[in-house]
Amino acid sequence: MLRLSIACVLVLAVSLPASANWTRAQRAQFLGQCVESCQSTLNLPDSKRRVCDATCGCVADQAETLVTPADMYALDEAAAAGRTTETMQKIRGFFPACAKKSARMP
């Protein structure tokens, strides 16, 4: 009976979507790199820089639902090695909708 209970818990744990809950350091690192890249790429004036904060916050919120803390460490290693992963591509896919949403901010 105990084995059956443990097996059921494991099946449920594996079947539930990843609710990642990144560490504070992981989220801060993601947001810092994202905002810095956004601001330098778009060369925004100071008055428009909050668009990058909002866009990157939106992307982080979306990515955190799919990417576990362990995945984040693997992404950091891949990025440091110059590799692009499928997970990175998924995260990049969040940018257009988040940027559009952020651009409509007052």
N, C-alpha and C. Protein backbone atom coordinates (compact mmCIF):
# COMPACT_ATOMS: atom_id res chain seq x y z
N MET A 1 0.82 -1.20 0.00
CA MET A 1 0.00 0.00 0.00
C MET A 1 0.86 1.26 0.00
N LEU A 2 1.93 1.22 0.80
CA LEU A 2 2.84 2.37 0.86
C LEU A 2 3.49 2.60 -0.50
N ARG A 3 3.87 1.52 -1.16
CA ARG A 3 4.48 1.66 -2.49
C ARG A 3 3.52 2.30 -3.48
N LEU A 4 2.26 1.89 -3.41
CA LEU A 4 1.25 2.46 -4.29
C LEU A 4 1.08 3.95 -4.03
N SER A 5 1.06 4.33 -2.77
CA SER A 5 0.94 5.76 -2.42
C SER A 5 2.12 6.55 -2.93
N ILE A 6 3.31 6.03 -2.73
CA ILE A 6 4.52 6.71 -3.20
C ILE A 6 4.50 6.82 -4.72
N ALA A 7 4.10 5.75 -5.39
CA ALA A 7 4.04 5.77 -6.86
C ALA A 7 3.04 6.82 -7.34
N CYS A 8 1.90 6.92 -6.69
CA CYS A 8 0.88 7.92 -7.08
C CYS A 8 1.41 9.33 -6.89
N VAL A 9 2.10 9.58 -5.80
CA VAL A 9 2.66 10.90 -5.54
C VAL A 9 3.70 11.24 -6.61
N LEU A 10 4.54 10.27 -6.95
CA LEU A 10 5.56 10.52 -7.98
C LEU A 10 4.93 10.79 -9.34
N VAL A 11 3.90 10.05 -9.69
CA VAL A 11 3.22 10.28 -10.97
C VAL A 11 2.59 11.67 -10.99
N LEU A 12 1.94 12.05 -9.90
CA LEU A 12 1.36 13.39 -9.83
C LEU A 12 2.42 14.47 -9.92
N ALA A 13 3.52 14.28 -9.24
CA ALA A 13 4.59 15.28 -9.26
C ALA A 13 5.16 15.45 -10.66
N VAL A 14 5.31 14.36 -11.38
CA VAL A 14 5.85 14.44 -12.73
C VAL A 14 4.84 15.01 -13.71
N SER A 15 3.56 14.75 -13.49
CA SER A 15 2.55 15.19 -14.44
C SER A 15 2.13 16.64 -14.26
N LEU A 16 2.41 17.23 -13.12
CA LEU A 16 2.04 18.63 -12.90
C LEU A 16 2.96 19.55 -13.69
N PRO A 17 2.45 20.68 -14.17
CA PRO A 17 3.31 21.61 -14.89
C PRO A 17 4.39 22.16 -13.96
N ALA A 18 5.50 22.53 -14.54
CA ALA A 18 6.61 23.06 -13.75
C ALA A 18 6.25 24.43 -13.21
N SER A 19 6.13 24.51 -11.93
CA SER A 19 5.96 25.80 -11.28
C SER A 19 7.32 26.10 -10.69
N ALA A 20 8.12 26.77 -11.45
CA ALA A 20 9.55 26.79 -11.21
C ALA A 20 9.99 27.48 -9.93
N ASN A 21 9.44 28.63 -9.64
CA ASN A 21 9.89 29.38 -8.48
C ASN A 21 11.41 29.50 -8.45
N TRP A 22 11.94 30.26 -9.39
CA TRP A 22 13.37 30.48 -9.43
C TRP A 22 13.84 31.06 -8.10
N THR A 23 15.11 30.90 -7.85
CA THR A 23 15.66 31.55 -6.67
C THR A 23 15.67 33.06 -6.92
N ARG A 24 15.76 33.81 -5.87
CA ARG A 24 15.82 35.28 -6.02
C ARG A 24 17.01 35.67 -6.88
N ALA A 25 18.13 34.99 -6.65
CA ALA A 25 19.35 35.30 -7.42
C ALA A 25 19.15 35.01 -8.90
N GLN A 26 18.49 33.90 -9.22
CA GLN A 26 18.24 33.56 -10.62
C GLN A 26 17.34 34.59 -11.29
N ARG A 27 16.29 34.97 -10.60
CA ARG A 27 15.37 35.97 -11.17
C ARG A 27 16.08 37.31 -11.34
N ALA A 28 16.83 37.71 -10.33
CA ALA A 28 17.55 38.98 -10.42
C ALA A 28 18.56 38.96 -11.56
N GLN A 29 19.25 37.85 -11.72
CA GLN A 29 20.24 37.74 -12.80
C GLN A 29 19.54 37.80 -14.16
N PHE A 30 18.44 37.06 -14.30
CA PHE A 30 17.70 37.06 -15.56
C PHE A 30 17.23 38.48 -15.89
N LEU A 31 16.58 39.12 -14.91
CA LEU A 31 16.05 40.46 -15.15
C LEU A 31 17.17 41.46 -15.45
N GLY A 32 18.26 41.38 -14.71
CA GLY A 32 19.38 42.31 -14.93
C GLY A 32 19.95 42.19 -16.34
N GLN A 33 20.19 40.95 -16.77
CA GLN A 33 20.74 40.73 -18.11
C GLN A 33 19.73 41.12 -19.19
N CYS A 34 18.48 40.79 -18.96
CA CYS A 34 17.44 41.10 -19.94
C CYS A 34 17.28 42.61 -20.11
N VAL A 35 17.16 43.32 -19.01
CA VAL A 35 16.96 44.77 -19.07
C VAL A 35 18.17 45.45 -19.70
N GLU A 36 19.35 45.04 -19.30
CA GLU A 36 20.57 45.63 -19.87
C GLU A 36 20.62 45.42 -21.38
N SER A 37 20.31 44.22 -21.82
CA SER A 37 20.32 43.91 -23.25
C SER A 37 19.24 44.71 -23.98
N CYS A 38 18.07 44.78 -23.40
CA CYS A 38 16.95 45.52 -24.01
C CYS A 38 17.32 46.99 -24.19
N GLN A 39 17.82 47.59 -23.13
CA GLN A 39 18.13 49.02 -23.18
C GLN A 39 19.26 49.33 -24.14
N SER A 40 20.26 48.48 -24.20
CA SER A 40 21.37 48.75 -25.11
C SER A 40 21.01 48.45 -26.56
N THR A 41 20.20 47.42 -26.77
CA THR A 41 19.81 47.06 -28.13
C THR A 41 18.88 48.10 -28.73
N LEU A 42 17.93 48.53 -27.93
CA LEU A 42 16.94 49.48 -28.45
C LEU A 42 17.42 50.93 -28.35
N ASN A 43 18.49 51.15 -27.59
CA ASN A 43 19.04 52.50 -27.42
C ASN A 43 17.94 53.49 -27.04
N LEU A 44 17.22 53.13 -25.99
CA LEU A 44 16.07 53.92 -25.56
C LEU A 44 16.47 55.15 -24.75
N PRO A 45 15.72 56.23 -24.89
CA PRO A 45 15.94 57.38 -24.00
C PRO A 45 15.48 57.00 -22.59
N ASP A 46 15.96 57.71 -21.60
CA ASP A 46 15.63 57.42 -20.21
C ASP A 46 14.13 57.35 -19.97
N SER A 47 13.38 58.19 -20.65
CA SER A 47 11.93 58.23 -20.43
C SER A 47 11.21 56.96 -20.88
N LYS A 48 11.85 56.16 -21.73
CA LYS A 48 11.21 54.96 -22.27
C LYS A 48 11.81 53.66 -21.70
N ARG A 49 12.79 53.78 -20.82
CA ARG A 49 13.48 52.58 -20.34
C ARG A 49 12.60 51.66 -19.51
N ARG A 50 11.52 52.18 -18.95
CA ARG A 50 10.66 51.32 -18.14
C ARG A 50 9.97 50.26 -19.00
N VAL A 51 9.92 50.48 -20.31
CA VAL A 51 9.37 49.46 -21.20
C VAL A 51 10.20 48.18 -21.10
N CYS A 52 11.51 48.33 -20.98
CA CYS A 52 12.38 47.16 -20.84
C CYS A 52 12.12 46.46 -19.52
N ASP A 53 11.95 47.22 -18.45
CA ASP A 53 11.66 46.62 -17.14
C ASP A 53 10.38 45.80 -17.22
N ALA A 54 9.34 46.38 -17.80
CA ALA A 54 8.05 45.70 -17.89
C ALA A 54 8.11 44.49 -18.81
N THR A 55 8.78 44.65 -19.95
CA THR A 55 8.89 43.54 -20.89
C THR A 55 9.65 42.38 -20.26
N CYS A 56 10.77 42.66 -19.64
CA CYS A 56 11.59 41.60 -19.05
C CYS A 56 10.88 40.96 -17.86
N GLY A 57 10.14 41.75 -17.10
CA GLY A 57 9.36 41.19 -16.00
C GLY A 57 8.29 40.23 -16.51
N CYS A 58 7.63 40.61 -17.57
CA CYS A 58 6.62 39.76 -18.20
C CYS A 58 7.24 38.46 -18.71
N VAL A 59 8.38 38.57 -19.39
CA VAL A 59 9.06 37.39 -19.92
C VAL A 59 9.49 36.48 -18.76
N ALA A 60 10.02 37.06 -17.70
CA ALA A 60 10.43 36.26 -16.55
C ALA A 60 9.24 35.54 -15.94
N ASP A 61 8.11 36.23 -15.82
CA ASP A 61 6.91 35.60 -15.27
C ASP A 61 6.48 34.41 -16.12
N GLN A 62 6.51 34.58 -17.43
CA GLN A 62 6.12 33.50 -18.34
C GLN A 62 7.12 32.35 -18.29
N ALA A 63 8.39 32.68 -18.34
CA ALA A 63 9.44 31.65 -18.35
C ALA A 63 9.46 30.86 -17.06
N GLU A 64 9.17 31.53 -15.97
CA GLU A 64 9.22 30.86 -14.67
C GLU A 64 8.16 29.76 -14.56
N THR A 65 7.14 29.81 -15.37
CA THR A 65 6.13 28.75 -15.36
C THR A 65 6.60 27.49 -16.08
N LEU A 66 7.64 27.63 -16.91
CA LEU A 66 8.14 26.50 -17.69
C LEU A 66 9.53 26.03 -17.30
N VAL A 67 10.34 26.92 -16.79
CA VAL A 67 11.75 26.64 -16.58
C VAL A 67 12.02 26.50 -15.09
N THR A 68 12.53 25.34 -14.70
CA THR A 68 12.82 25.09 -13.29
C THR A 68 14.14 25.76 -12.90
N PRO A 69 14.39 25.87 -11.61
CA PRO A 69 15.69 26.41 -11.17
C PRO A 69 16.86 25.60 -11.73
N ALA A 70 16.72 24.28 -11.77
CA ALA A 70 17.79 23.44 -12.33
C ALA A 70 17.99 23.74 -13.81
N ASP A 71 16.88 23.96 -14.53
CA ASP A 71 16.98 24.32 -15.95
C ASP A 71 17.73 25.64 -16.13
N MET A 72 17.50 26.57 -15.20
CA MET A 72 18.17 27.88 -15.29
C MET A 72 19.69 27.71 -15.20
N TYR A 73 20.14 26.83 -14.31
CA TYR A 73 21.58 26.59 -14.22
C TYR A 73 22.12 26.02 -15.53
N ALA A 74 21.35 25.10 -16.13
CA ALA A 74 21.77 24.51 -17.40
C ALA A 74 21.78 25.56 -18.51
N LEU A 75 20.82 26.48 -18.49
CA LEU A 75 20.79 27.56 -19.49
C LEU A 75 21.99 28.47 -19.34
N ASP A 76 22.37 28.77 -18.09
CA ASP A 76 23.55 29.60 -17.86
C ASP A 76 24.80 28.94 -18.43
N GLU A 77 24.92 27.64 -18.21
CA GLU A 77 26.08 26.90 -18.72
C GLU A 77 26.08 26.90 -20.25
N ALA A 78 24.93 26.67 -20.84
CA ALA A 78 24.83 26.66 -22.31
C ALA A 78 25.17 28.03 -22.88
N ALA A 79 24.65 29.08 -22.27
CA ALA A 79 24.93 30.44 -22.75
C ALA A 79 26.42 30.76 -22.62
N ALA A 80 27.02 30.35 -21.52
CA ALA A 80 28.45 30.61 -21.33
C ALA A 80 29.29 29.88 -22.39
N ALA A 81 28.78 28.73 -22.85
CA ALA A 81 29.48 27.96 -23.88
C ALA A 81 29.10 28.40 -25.29
N GLY A 82 28.20 29.41 -25.39
CA GLY A 82 27.81 29.92 -26.70
C GLY A 82 26.77 29.06 -27.41
N ARG A 83 26.10 28.19 -26.67
CA ARG A 83 25.08 27.32 -27.27
C ARG A 83 23.69 27.92 -27.05
N THR A 84 22.80 27.60 -27.98
CA THR A 84 21.39 27.98 -27.85
C THR A 84 20.59 26.70 -27.67
N THR A 85 19.71 26.70 -26.68
CA THR A 85 18.92 25.52 -26.40
C THR A 85 17.46 25.74 -26.81
N GLU A 86 16.71 24.66 -26.83
CA GLU A 86 15.28 24.75 -27.15
C GLU A 86 14.56 25.61 -26.10
N THR A 87 14.98 25.49 -24.85
CA THR A 87 14.38 26.29 -23.79
C THR A 87 14.64 27.77 -24.01
N MET A 88 15.84 28.11 -24.45
CA MET A 88 16.14 29.51 -24.75
C MET A 88 15.23 30.03 -25.85
N GLN A 89 15.00 29.20 -26.84
CA GLN A 89 14.11 29.60 -27.94
C GLN A 89 12.69 29.82 -27.43
N LYS A 90 12.24 28.97 -26.51
CA LYS A 90 10.90 29.15 -25.94
C LYS A 90 10.82 30.47 -25.19
N ILE A 91 11.85 30.77 -24.41
CA ILE A 91 11.86 32.03 -23.65
C ILE A 91 11.84 33.22 -24.61
N ARG A 92 12.63 33.15 -25.66
CA ARG A 92 12.64 34.24 -26.66
C ARG A 92 11.26 34.43 -27.28
N GLY A 93 10.51 33.35 -27.38
CA GLY A 93 9.17 33.41 -27.95
C GLY A 93 8.20 34.25 -27.13
N PHE A 94 8.51 34.48 -25.87
CA PHE A 94 7.65 35.30 -25.02
C PHE A 94 7.84 36.80 -25.27
N PHE A 95 8.96 37.19 -25.83
CA PHE A 95 9.27 38.61 -25.98
C PHE A 95 8.28 39.41 -26.82
N PRO A 96 7.86 38.94 -28.00
CA PRO A 96 6.95 39.78 -28.80
C PRO A 96 5.67 40.17 -28.06
N ALA A 97 5.00 39.21 -27.46
CA ALA A 97 3.74 39.52 -26.75
C ALA A 97 4.00 40.41 -25.54
N CYS A 98 5.07 40.13 -24.82
CA CYS A 98 5.38 40.94 -23.64
C CYS A 98 5.76 42.37 -24.04
N ALA A 99 6.52 42.51 -25.11
CA ALA A 99 6.91 43.85 -25.57
C ALA A 99 5.68 44.63 -26.03
N LYS A 100 4.80 43.96 -26.74
CA LYS A 100 3.58 44.62 -27.20
C LYS A 100 2.73 45.08 -26.01
N LYS A 101 2.60 44.20 -25.04
CA LYS A 101 1.85 44.54 -23.83
C LYS A 101 2.49 45.71 -23.09
N SER A 102 3.81 45.69 -22.98
CA SER A 102 4.54 46.74 -22.26
C SER A 102 4.51 48.08 -22.98
N ALA A 103 4.48 48.04 -24.31
CA ALA A 103 4.46 49.27 -25.09
C ALA A 103 3.15 50.04 -24.91
N ARG A 104 2.10 49.32 -24.50
CA ARG A 104 0.80 49.96 -24.29
C ARG A 104 0.67 50.58 -22.92
N MET A 105 1.71 50.43 -22.10
CA MET A 105 1.66 51.02 -20.76
C MET A 105 1.59 52.54 -20.83
N PRO A 106 0.87 53.17 -19.90
CA PRO A 106 0.79 54.63 -19.92
C PRO A 106 2.12 55.27 -19.55
